[in-house]
Amino acid sequence: MTLLLNQFFKFITLLHSENGTKQIAWGLTLGAFLGFSPFFSLQTFLIFMILFFFKVQFGAAFLSAFVFKFVAFLADPIADILGKATLESESLRPLWTTLYNLPVIPYTRFNNSIVMGSFIFVLIISPILYFMFNKLIIQYREKVVHKFEESKLWKAFKASKFYLLYSKYQDVTSS
């Protein structure tokens, strides 16, 4: 639980930082892929490789994966129907047979109807998620953060000795 709270606080700090909104939005979107994928699978490995090689926010991805694991659990009946329809399609049967006989592809567990349906579902909603997350982050930074920084409470806190010590601590730890 402490790890989750730590990630949540880091995510709030990340939202207030000068990092690009696109990096955070990509992290949240890739976290959705992690949340909908089985943990020990080739899909998860590929998402981790993308997280390592591209400039994407880890904290956002992990927090999003945690949230989307619950969403995936609730969406399993829909994913099962979607996966069964895809896997039982007569026109796609030769493709599934060929893929299953390849050396690495069966590790994706694509022949499981819930895994296939979850992958198709998250693949369809990922562009929507990306643009929605990007827009929400921009609006959060423009409206919420700006209003909070203009408040008397924040100005009083920023003038306190505690904030001065905190800012010195941040300077020392970030160097």
N, C-alpha and C. Protein backbone atom coordinates (compact mmCIF):
# COMPACT_ATOMS: atom_id res chain seq x y z
N MET A 1 0.82 -1.19 0.00
CA MET A 1 0.00 0.00 0.00
C MET A 1 0.86 1.26 0.00
N THR A 2 1.99 1.18 0.72
CA THR A 2 2.88 2.33 0.78
C THR A 2 3.46 2.64 -0.60
N LEU A 3 3.78 1.59 -1.34
CA LEU A 3 4.31 1.78 -2.69
C LEU A 3 3.29 2.48 -3.58
N LEU A 4 2.03 2.09 -3.46
CA LEU A 4 0.97 2.71 -4.26
C LEU A 4 0.80 4.18 -3.88
N LEU A 5 0.78 4.47 -2.59
CA LEU A 5 0.66 5.87 -2.16
C LEU A 5 1.87 6.68 -2.63
N ASN A 6 3.04 6.07 -2.55
CA ASN A 6 4.25 6.75 -3.02
C ASN A 6 4.13 7.08 -4.51
N GLN A 7 3.66 6.11 -5.30
CA GLN A 7 3.48 6.35 -6.73
C GLN A 7 2.43 7.43 -6.98
N PHE A 8 1.37 7.44 -6.18
CA PHE A 8 0.33 8.44 -6.34
C PHE A 8 0.89 9.84 -6.07
N PHE A 9 1.66 9.99 -4.99
CA PHE A 9 2.23 11.30 -4.66
C PHE A 9 3.26 11.72 -5.72
N LYS A 10 4.01 10.76 -6.24
CA LYS A 10 4.95 11.08 -7.32
C LYS A 10 4.19 11.52 -8.57
N PHE A 11 3.03 10.90 -8.80
CA PHE A 11 2.22 11.28 -9.96
C PHE A 11 1.68 12.70 -9.81
N ILE A 12 1.24 13.06 -8.62
CA ILE A 12 0.77 14.43 -8.38
C ILE A 12 1.92 15.41 -8.58
N THR A 13 3.10 15.06 -8.08
CA THR A 13 4.28 15.90 -8.30
C THR A 13 4.59 16.01 -9.78
N LEU A 14 4.44 14.91 -10.49
CA LEU A 14 4.68 14.88 -11.93
C LEU A 14 3.70 15.80 -12.67
N LEU A 15 2.45 15.80 -12.24
CA LEU A 15 1.47 16.68 -12.88
C LEU A 15 1.83 18.15 -12.68
N HIS A 16 2.48 18.46 -11.58
CA HIS A 16 2.85 19.84 -11.29
C HIS A 16 4.21 20.21 -11.88
N SER A 17 4.93 19.24 -12.40
CA SER A 17 6.27 19.51 -12.92
C SER A 17 6.21 20.11 -14.32
N GLU A 18 7.37 20.38 -14.84
CA GLU A 18 7.46 20.95 -16.18
C GLU A 18 7.56 19.88 -17.27
N ASN A 19 7.38 18.62 -16.90
CA ASN A 19 7.43 17.55 -17.89
C ASN A 19 6.32 17.73 -18.91
N GLY A 20 6.58 17.23 -20.10
CA GLY A 20 5.60 17.36 -21.16
C GLY A 20 4.34 16.56 -20.89
N THR A 21 3.24 17.11 -21.32
CA THR A 21 1.96 16.42 -21.12
C THR A 21 1.90 15.14 -21.95
N LYS A 22 2.56 15.15 -23.08
CA LYS A 22 2.53 13.97 -23.95
C LYS A 22 3.24 12.78 -23.31
N GLN A 23 4.33 13.03 -22.60
CA GLN A 23 5.04 11.95 -21.91
C GLN A 23 4.15 11.32 -20.85
N ILE A 24 3.46 12.15 -20.12
CA ILE A 24 2.58 11.64 -19.07
C ILE A 24 1.39 10.91 -19.69
N ALA A 25 0.82 11.48 -20.75
CA ALA A 25 -0.32 10.85 -21.42
C ALA A 25 0.07 9.50 -22.01
N TRP A 26 1.26 9.42 -22.60
CA TRP A 26 1.73 8.13 -23.13
C TRP A 26 1.94 7.13 -22.00
N GLY A 27 2.46 7.59 -20.88
CA GLY A 27 2.63 6.71 -19.73
C GLY A 27 1.31 6.15 -19.25
N LEU A 28 0.31 7.01 -19.15
CA LEU A 28 -1.01 6.56 -18.71
C LEU A 28 -1.62 5.59 -19.71
N THR A 29 -1.45 5.86 -21.00
CA THR A 29 -2.00 4.98 -22.04
C THR A 29 -1.30 3.62 -22.05
N LEU A 30 0.03 3.63 -21.94
CA LEU A 30 0.76 2.36 -21.89
C LEU A 30 0.43 1.59 -20.62
N GLY A 31 0.13 2.31 -19.55
CA GLY A 31 -0.33 1.66 -18.33
C GLY A 31 -1.65 0.93 -18.55
N ALA A 32 -2.50 1.47 -19.41
CA ALA A 32 -3.75 0.78 -19.74
C ALA A 32 -3.44 -0.55 -20.43
N PHE A 33 -2.44 -0.55 -21.32
CA PHE A 33 -2.02 -1.80 -21.97
C PHE A 33 -1.52 -2.79 -20.92
N LEU A 34 -0.72 -2.29 -19.97
CA LEU A 34 -0.22 -3.17 -18.90
C LEU A 34 -1.37 -3.71 -18.06
N GLY A 35 -2.34 -2.87 -17.78
CA GLY A 35 -3.47 -3.29 -16.96
C GLY A 35 -4.34 -4.34 -17.64
N PHE A 36 -4.47 -4.26 -18.94
CA PHE A 36 -5.31 -5.21 -19.66
C PHE A 36 -4.56 -6.47 -20.09
N SER A 37 -3.24 -6.50 -19.96
CA SER A 37 -2.44 -7.65 -20.36
C SER A 37 -2.17 -8.56 -19.17
N PRO A 38 -2.05 -9.86 -19.42
CA PRO A 38 -1.61 -10.75 -18.34
C PRO A 38 -0.18 -10.37 -17.92
N PHE A 39 0.13 -10.51 -16.64
CA PHE A 39 1.42 -10.01 -16.15
C PHE A 39 2.60 -10.73 -16.79
N PHE A 40 2.59 -12.05 -16.81
CA PHE A 40 3.70 -12.80 -17.40
C PHE A 40 3.35 -13.16 -18.83
N SER A 41 3.53 -12.20 -19.73
CA SER A 41 3.25 -12.44 -21.14
C SER A 41 4.19 -11.61 -22.00
N LEU A 42 4.19 -11.92 -23.26
CA LEU A 42 5.03 -11.19 -24.20
C LEU A 42 4.58 -9.75 -24.35
N GLN A 43 3.27 -9.51 -24.26
CA GLN A 43 2.76 -8.14 -24.37
C GLN A 43 3.34 -7.26 -23.26
N THR A 44 3.35 -7.78 -22.04
CA THR A 44 3.88 -7.02 -20.91
C THR A 44 5.36 -6.72 -21.12
N PHE A 45 6.09 -7.70 -21.60
CA PHE A 45 7.51 -7.50 -21.88
C PHE A 45 7.71 -6.41 -22.92
N LEU A 46 6.91 -6.42 -23.98
CA LEU A 46 7.03 -5.40 -25.02
C LEU A 46 6.67 -4.01 -24.51
N ILE A 47 5.67 -3.91 -23.67
CA ILE A 47 5.30 -2.62 -23.10
C ILE A 47 6.43 -2.11 -22.21
N PHE A 48 7.03 -3.00 -21.42
CA PHE A 48 8.17 -2.58 -20.59
C PHE A 48 9.34 -2.11 -21.45
N MET A 49 9.56 -2.76 -22.57
CA MET A 49 10.64 -2.33 -23.47
C MET A 49 10.35 -0.93 -24.02
N ILE A 50 9.11 -0.67 -24.37
CA ILE A 50 8.73 0.66 -24.84
C ILE A 50 8.94 1.69 -23.73
N LEU A 51 8.57 1.33 -22.50
CA LEU A 51 8.77 2.24 -21.37
C LEU A 51 10.24 2.55 -21.15
N PHE A 52 11.10 1.55 -21.34
CA PHE A 52 12.53 1.76 -21.11
C PHE A 52 13.20 2.54 -22.24
N PHE A 53 12.79 2.31 -23.47
CA PHE A 53 13.49 2.91 -24.60
C PHE A 53 12.96 4.27 -25.03
N PHE A 54 11.75 4.59 -24.68
CA PHE A 54 11.19 5.87 -25.07
C PHE A 54 11.00 6.74 -23.84
N LYS A 55 10.87 8.02 -24.06
CA LYS A 55 10.74 8.98 -22.96
C LYS A 55 9.29 9.01 -22.50
N VAL A 56 8.97 8.04 -21.64
CA VAL A 56 7.63 7.88 -21.12
C VAL A 56 7.72 7.84 -19.60
N GLN A 57 6.74 8.38 -18.93
CA GLN A 57 6.76 8.44 -17.47
C GLN A 57 6.40 7.10 -16.85
N PHE A 58 7.35 6.52 -16.10
CA PHE A 58 7.14 5.23 -15.43
C PHE A 58 6.04 5.31 -14.37
N GLY A 59 6.10 6.34 -13.54
CA GLY A 59 5.13 6.46 -12.46
C GLY A 59 3.71 6.52 -12.98
N ALA A 60 3.51 7.27 -14.05
CA ALA A 60 2.19 7.36 -14.65
C ALA A 60 1.76 6.00 -15.20
N ALA A 61 2.69 5.29 -15.82
CA ALA A 61 2.36 3.98 -16.39
C ALA A 61 1.99 2.98 -15.30
N PHE A 62 2.75 2.97 -14.21
CA PHE A 62 2.47 2.00 -13.15
C PHE A 62 1.19 2.32 -12.40
N LEU A 63 0.94 3.58 -12.16
CA LEU A 63 -0.31 3.97 -11.50
C LEU A 63 -1.50 3.64 -12.40
N SER A 64 -1.36 3.92 -13.67
CA SER A 64 -2.43 3.62 -14.63
C SER A 64 -2.64 2.11 -14.74
N ALA A 65 -1.55 1.34 -14.73
CA ALA A 65 -1.68 -0.13 -14.81
C ALA A 65 -2.44 -0.66 -13.61
N PHE A 66 -2.17 -0.10 -12.43
CA PHE A 66 -2.89 -0.53 -11.23
C PHE A 66 -4.39 -0.26 -11.37
N VAL A 67 -4.75 0.92 -11.84
CA VAL A 67 -6.16 1.28 -11.99
C VAL A 67 -6.81 0.43 -13.07
N PHE A 68 -6.11 0.24 -14.20
CA PHE A 68 -6.71 -0.49 -15.32
C PHE A 68 -6.77 -2.00 -15.08
N LYS A 69 -6.02 -2.53 -14.11
CA LYS A 69 -6.19 -3.94 -13.75
C LYS A 69 -7.61 -4.17 -13.22
N PHE A 70 -8.12 -3.23 -12.44
CA PHE A 70 -9.49 -3.34 -11.94
C PHE A 70 -10.50 -3.14 -13.07
N VAL A 71 -10.24 -2.21 -13.95
CA VAL A 71 -11.13 -1.99 -15.09
C VAL A 71 -11.15 -3.23 -15.98
N ALA A 72 -9.99 -3.83 -16.19
CA ALA A 72 -9.91 -5.04 -17.02
C ALA A 72 -10.70 -6.18 -16.39
N PHE A 73 -10.62 -6.29 -15.07
CA PHE A 73 -11.38 -7.32 -14.39
C PHE A 73 -12.88 -7.13 -14.61
N LEU A 74 -13.33 -5.88 -14.55
CA LEU A 74 -14.75 -5.60 -14.77
C LEU A 74 -15.15 -5.77 -16.24
N ALA A 75 -14.20 -5.57 -17.14
CA ALA A 75 -14.48 -5.67 -18.57
C ALA A 75 -14.27 -7.07 -19.12
N ASP A 76 -13.90 -8.04 -18.28
CA ASP A 76 -13.66 -9.40 -18.75
C ASP A 76 -14.83 -10.02 -19.51
N PRO A 77 -16.09 -9.86 -19.08
CA PRO A 77 -17.18 -10.45 -19.87
C PRO A 77 -17.25 -9.89 -21.29
N ILE A 78 -17.04 -8.59 -21.44
CA ILE A 78 -17.04 -7.98 -22.77
C ILE A 78 -15.84 -8.47 -23.57
N ALA A 79 -14.68 -8.55 -22.90
CA ALA A 79 -13.47 -9.01 -23.57
C ALA A 79 -13.62 -10.46 -24.02
N ASP A 80 -14.29 -11.28 -23.21
CA ASP A 80 -14.49 -12.68 -23.57
C ASP A 80 -15.34 -12.80 -24.84
N ILE A 81 -16.40 -12.03 -24.91
CA ILE A 81 -17.27 -12.05 -26.10
C ILE A 81 -16.51 -11.58 -27.33
N LEU A 82 -15.77 -10.48 -27.18
CA LEU A 82 -14.99 -9.93 -28.29
C LEU A 82 -13.90 -10.90 -28.72
N GLY A 83 -13.22 -11.50 -27.75
CA GLY A 83 -12.16 -12.46 -28.06
C GLY A 83 -12.68 -13.71 -28.74
N LYS A 84 -13.80 -14.25 -28.24
CA LYS A 84 -14.38 -15.44 -28.86
C LYS A 84 -14.81 -15.16 -30.30
N ALA A 85 -15.42 -14.01 -30.50
CA ALA A 85 -15.85 -13.66 -31.87
C ALA A 85 -14.65 -13.56 -32.81
N THR A 86 -13.56 -13.02 -32.31
CA THR A 86 -12.37 -12.87 -33.15
C THR A 86 -11.70 -14.22 -33.39
N LEU A 87 -11.54 -15.01 -32.33
CA LEU A 87 -10.84 -16.29 -32.47
C LEU A 87 -11.66 -17.33 -33.23
N GLU A 88 -12.97 -17.25 -33.16
CA GLU A 88 -13.81 -18.23 -33.84
C GLU A 88 -14.22 -17.80 -35.24
N SER A 89 -13.71 -16.68 -35.69
CA SER A 89 -14.02 -16.21 -37.04
C SER A 89 -13.37 -17.14 -38.06
N GLU A 90 -14.20 -17.65 -38.98
CA GLU A 90 -13.70 -18.59 -39.99
C GLU A 90 -12.66 -17.94 -40.91
N SER A 91 -12.84 -16.68 -41.21
CA SER A 91 -11.91 -16.01 -42.13
C SER A 91 -10.53 -15.79 -41.50
N LEU A 92 -10.46 -15.76 -40.17
CA LEU A 92 -9.17 -15.54 -39.49
C LEU A 92 -8.52 -16.84 -39.02
N ARG A 93 -9.19 -17.97 -39.16
CA ARG A 93 -8.65 -19.24 -38.67
C ARG A 93 -7.27 -19.57 -39.24
N PRO A 94 -7.00 -19.38 -40.55
CA PRO A 94 -5.65 -19.67 -41.04
C PRO A 94 -4.57 -18.76 -40.39
N LEU A 95 -4.93 -17.51 -40.11
CA LEU A 95 -3.99 -16.60 -39.44
C LEU A 95 -3.66 -17.10 -38.04
N TRP A 96 -4.69 -17.52 -37.28
CA TRP A 96 -4.45 -18.00 -35.92
C TRP A 96 -3.62 -19.27 -35.93
N THR A 97 -3.87 -20.14 -36.89
CA THR A 97 -3.10 -21.38 -36.98
C THR A 97 -1.64 -21.08 -37.28
N THR A 98 -1.40 -20.18 -38.22
CA THR A 98 -0.03 -19.80 -38.57
C THR A 98 0.67 -19.15 -37.38
N LEU A 99 0.01 -18.23 -36.71
CA LEU A 99 0.61 -17.55 -35.56
C LEU A 99 0.91 -18.52 -34.43
N TYR A 100 0.02 -19.47 -34.21
CA TYR A 100 0.23 -20.42 -33.12
C TYR A 100 1.42 -21.34 -33.38
N ASN A 101 1.74 -21.55 -34.65
CA ASN A 101 2.86 -22.42 -34.99
C ASN A 101 4.19 -21.68 -35.08
N LEU A 102 4.19 -20.38 -34.90
CA LEU A 102 5.44 -19.62 -34.86
C LEU A 102 6.11 -19.82 -33.50
N PRO A 103 7.44 -19.62 -33.43
CA PRO A 103 8.14 -19.95 -32.19
C PRO A 103 7.82 -19.08 -30.98
N VAL A 104 7.59 -17.78 -31.11
CA VAL A 104 7.47 -16.89 -29.97
C VAL A 104 6.03 -16.42 -29.72
N ILE A 105 5.24 -16.32 -30.74
CA ILE A 105 3.90 -15.74 -30.66
C ILE A 105 2.98 -16.43 -29.65
N PRO A 106 3.04 -17.75 -29.47
CA PRO A 106 2.14 -18.35 -28.46
C PRO A 106 2.34 -17.81 -27.04
N TYR A 107 3.49 -17.21 -26.75
CA TYR A 107 3.72 -16.64 -25.43
C TYR A 107 2.88 -15.39 -25.17
N THR A 108 2.23 -14.88 -26.21
CA THR A 108 1.30 -13.77 -26.01
C THR A 108 -0.01 -14.26 -25.43
N ARG A 109 -0.25 -15.56 -25.47
CA ARG A 109 -1.49 -16.19 -25.02
C ARG A 109 -2.71 -15.66 -25.79
N PHE A 110 -2.48 -15.37 -27.07
CA PHE A 110 -3.56 -14.81 -27.89
C PHE A 110 -4.70 -15.79 -28.08
N ASN A 111 -4.46 -17.09 -27.88
CA ASN A 111 -5.52 -18.07 -28.08
C ASN A 111 -6.52 -18.12 -26.93
N ASN A 112 -6.29 -17.35 -25.88
CA ASN A 112 -7.25 -17.20 -24.78
C ASN A 112 -8.22 -16.09 -25.16
N SER A 113 -9.50 -16.37 -25.07
CA SER A 113 -10.49 -15.40 -25.55
C SER A 113 -10.46 -14.10 -24.74
N ILE A 114 -10.22 -14.16 -23.44
CA ILE A 114 -10.19 -12.94 -22.63
C ILE A 114 -8.96 -12.12 -22.95
N VAL A 115 -7.82 -12.78 -23.14
CA VAL A 115 -6.58 -12.05 -23.48
C VAL A 115 -6.73 -11.38 -24.84
N MET A 116 -7.26 -12.11 -25.81
CA MET A 116 -7.45 -11.55 -27.15
C MET A 116 -8.46 -10.39 -27.11
N GLY A 117 -9.56 -10.60 -26.43
CA GLY A 117 -10.57 -9.55 -26.34
C GLY A 117 -10.07 -8.32 -25.60
N SER A 118 -9.32 -8.53 -24.53
CA SER A 118 -8.75 -7.39 -23.79
C SER A 118 -7.77 -6.61 -24.65
N PHE A 119 -6.95 -7.33 -25.42
CA PHE A 119 -5.98 -6.65 -26.28
C PHE A 119 -6.69 -5.84 -27.36
N ILE A 120 -7.71 -6.43 -27.98
CA ILE A 120 -8.45 -5.70 -29.02
C ILE A 120 -9.15 -4.49 -28.40
N PHE A 121 -9.74 -4.67 -27.23
CA PHE A 121 -10.45 -3.58 -26.56
C PHE A 121 -9.51 -2.42 -26.24
N VAL A 122 -8.36 -2.72 -25.63
CA VAL A 122 -7.43 -1.64 -25.28
C VAL A 122 -6.79 -1.04 -26.53
N LEU A 123 -6.62 -1.83 -27.57
CA LEU A 123 -6.08 -1.29 -28.82
C LEU A 123 -7.06 -0.29 -29.44
N ILE A 124 -8.35 -0.57 -29.32
CA ILE A 124 -9.37 0.33 -29.86
C ILE A 124 -9.47 1.61 -29.03
N ILE A 125 -9.42 1.48 -27.70
CA ILE A 125 -9.62 2.66 -26.85
C ILE A 125 -8.34 3.45 -26.59
N SER A 126 -7.17 2.90 -26.94
CA SER A 126 -5.92 3.61 -26.61
C SER A 126 -5.79 4.99 -27.27
N PRO A 127 -6.15 5.20 -28.53
CA PRO A 127 -6.08 6.58 -29.04
C PRO A 127 -7.01 7.53 -28.30
N ILE A 128 -8.18 7.04 -27.94
CA ILE A 128 -9.12 7.86 -27.18
C ILE A 128 -8.53 8.19 -25.82
N LEU A 129 -7.96 7.18 -25.16
CA LEU A 129 -7.34 7.40 -23.85
C LEU A 129 -6.21 8.42 -23.93
N TYR A 130 -5.36 8.27 -24.94
CA TYR A 130 -4.21 9.18 -25.07
C TYR A 130 -4.67 10.64 -25.18
N PHE A 131 -5.58 10.89 -26.10
CA PHE A 131 -6.04 12.27 -26.29
C PHE A 131 -6.82 12.78 -25.09
N MET A 132 -7.58 11.90 -24.44
CA MET A 132 -8.32 12.29 -23.26
C MET A 132 -7.36 12.63 -22.11
N PHE A 133 -6.35 11.77 -21.88
CA PHE A 133 -5.38 12.04 -20.82
C PHE A 133 -4.61 13.32 -21.10
N ASN A 134 -4.21 13.52 -22.34
CA ASN A 134 -3.45 14.72 -22.69
C ASN A 134 -4.29 15.98 -22.42
N LYS A 135 -5.54 15.95 -22.84
CA LYS A 135 -6.42 17.10 -22.62
C LYS A 135 -6.68 17.34 -21.13
N LEU A 136 -6.90 16.27 -20.36
CA LEU A 136 -7.13 16.41 -18.93
C LEU A 136 -5.92 16.97 -18.19
N ILE A 137 -4.73 16.55 -18.60
CA ILE A 137 -3.51 17.07 -17.96
C ILE A 137 -3.35 18.55 -18.26
N ILE A 138 -3.58 18.93 -19.50
CA ILE A 138 -3.47 20.35 -19.88
C ILE A 138 -4.49 21.17 -19.10
N GLN A 139 -5.73 20.70 -19.04
CA GLN A 139 -6.76 21.44 -18.29
C GLN A 139 -6.43 21.50 -16.81
N TYR A 140 -5.91 20.41 -16.26
CA TYR A 140 -5.53 20.40 -14.85
C TYR A 140 -4.46 21.46 -14.58
N ARG A 141 -3.46 21.51 -15.45
CA ARG A 141 -2.38 22.47 -15.25
C ARG A 141 -2.86 23.90 -15.43
N GLU A 142 -3.76 24.13 -16.37
CA GLU A 142 -4.23 25.49 -16.63
C GLU A 142 -5.22 25.97 -15.57
N LYS A 143 -6.12 25.12 -15.15
CA LYS A 143 -7.20 25.57 -14.28
C LYS A 143 -6.91 25.30 -12.80
N VAL A 144 -6.65 24.07 -12.46
CA VAL A 144 -6.53 23.70 -11.05
C VAL A 144 -5.24 24.24 -10.44
N VAL A 145 -4.12 23.96 -11.09
CA VAL A 145 -2.83 24.38 -10.53
C VAL A 145 -2.74 25.90 -10.48
N HIS A 146 -3.18 26.55 -11.53
CA HIS A 146 -3.11 28.01 -11.58
C HIS A 146 -3.95 28.63 -10.46
N LYS A 147 -5.16 28.13 -10.27
CA LYS A 147 -6.02 28.66 -9.20
C LYS A 147 -5.44 28.37 -7.82
N PHE A 148 -4.87 27.18 -7.66
CA PHE A 148 -4.28 26.83 -6.37
C PHE A 148 -3.08 27.72 -6.05
N GLU A 149 -2.24 27.98 -7.05
CA GLU A 149 -1.07 28.83 -6.82
C GLU A 149 -1.44 30.28 -6.57
N GLU A 150 -2.62 30.70 -7.00
CA GLU A 150 -3.10 32.05 -6.75
C GLU A 150 -3.81 32.20 -5.41
N SER A 151 -4.07 31.09 -4.73
CA SER A 151 -4.82 31.16 -3.49
C SER A 151 -3.98 31.73 -2.35
N LYS A 152 -4.65 32.29 -1.38
CA LYS A 152 -3.97 32.87 -0.22
C LYS A 152 -3.31 31.78 0.62
N LEU A 153 -3.93 30.62 0.68
CA LEU A 153 -3.37 29.51 1.45
C LEU A 153 -2.00 29.11 0.90
N TRP A 154 -1.89 28.96 -0.43
CA TRP A 154 -0.63 28.58 -1.04
C TRP A 154 0.42 29.68 -0.85
N LYS A 155 0.03 30.91 -1.01
CA LYS A 155 0.97 32.01 -0.83
C LYS A 155 1.48 32.06 0.61
N ALA A 156 0.60 31.81 1.57
CA ALA A 156 1.02 31.79 2.98
C ALA A 156 1.95 30.61 3.24
N PHE A 157 1.63 29.46 2.67
CA PHE A 157 2.49 28.28 2.83
C PHE A 157 3.86 28.51 2.20
N LYS A 158 3.86 29.14 1.03
CA LYS A 158 5.12 29.38 0.33
C LYS A 158 6.00 30.38 1.08
N ALA A 159 5.40 31.23 1.89
CA ALA A 159 6.17 32.21 2.67
C ALA A 159 6.68 31.61 3.99
N SER A 160 6.26 30.40 4.33
CA SER A 160 6.65 29.81 5.61
C SER A 160 8.06 29.25 5.58
N LYS A 161 8.63 29.03 6.76
CA LYS A 161 9.97 28.45 6.88
C LYS A 161 9.96 26.99 6.46
N PHE A 162 8.85 26.32 6.69
CA PHE A 162 8.75 24.92 6.29
C PHE A 162 8.94 24.77 4.78
N TYR A 163 8.32 25.65 4.02
CA TYR A 163 8.46 25.59 2.56
C TYR A 163 9.89 25.92 2.15
N LEU A 164 10.52 26.84 2.83
CA LEU A 164 11.91 27.19 2.54
C LEU A 164 12.80 25.97 2.76
N LEU A 165 12.61 25.27 3.88
CA LEU A 165 13.38 24.05 4.13
C LEU A 165 13.09 22.98 3.08
N TYR A 166 11.82 22.85 2.72
CA TYR A 166 11.43 21.86 1.71
C TYR A 166 12.09 22.18 0.36
N SER A 167 12.09 23.43 -0.04
CA SER A 167 12.68 23.79 -1.33
C SER A 167 14.19 23.58 -1.33
N LYS A 168 14.84 23.82 -0.19
CA LYS A 168 16.28 23.53 -0.10
C LYS A 168 16.53 22.04 -0.19
N TYR A 169 15.67 21.26 0.46
CA TYR A 169 15.78 19.80 0.40
C TYR A 169 15.60 19.32 -1.04
N GLN A 170 14.64 19.87 -1.75
CA GLN A 170 14.41 19.49 -3.15
C GLN A 170 15.62 19.85 -4.01
N ASP A 171 16.23 21.00 -3.76
CA ASP A 171 17.40 21.41 -4.52
C ASP A 171 18.57 20.45 -4.29
N VAL A 172 18.76 20.04 -3.05
CA VAL A 172 19.86 19.14 -2.72
C VAL A 172 19.62 17.76 -3.30
N THR A 173 18.41 17.24 -3.19
CA THR A 173 18.12 15.89 -3.68
C THR A 173 18.03 15.81 -5.19
N SER A 174 17.68 16.89 -5.85
CA SER A 174 17.56 16.84 -7.32
C SER A 174 18.91 17.04 -8.00
N SER A 175 19.91 17.48 -7.29
CA SER A 175 21.23 17.69 -7.89
C SER A 175 22.03 16.43 -8.00
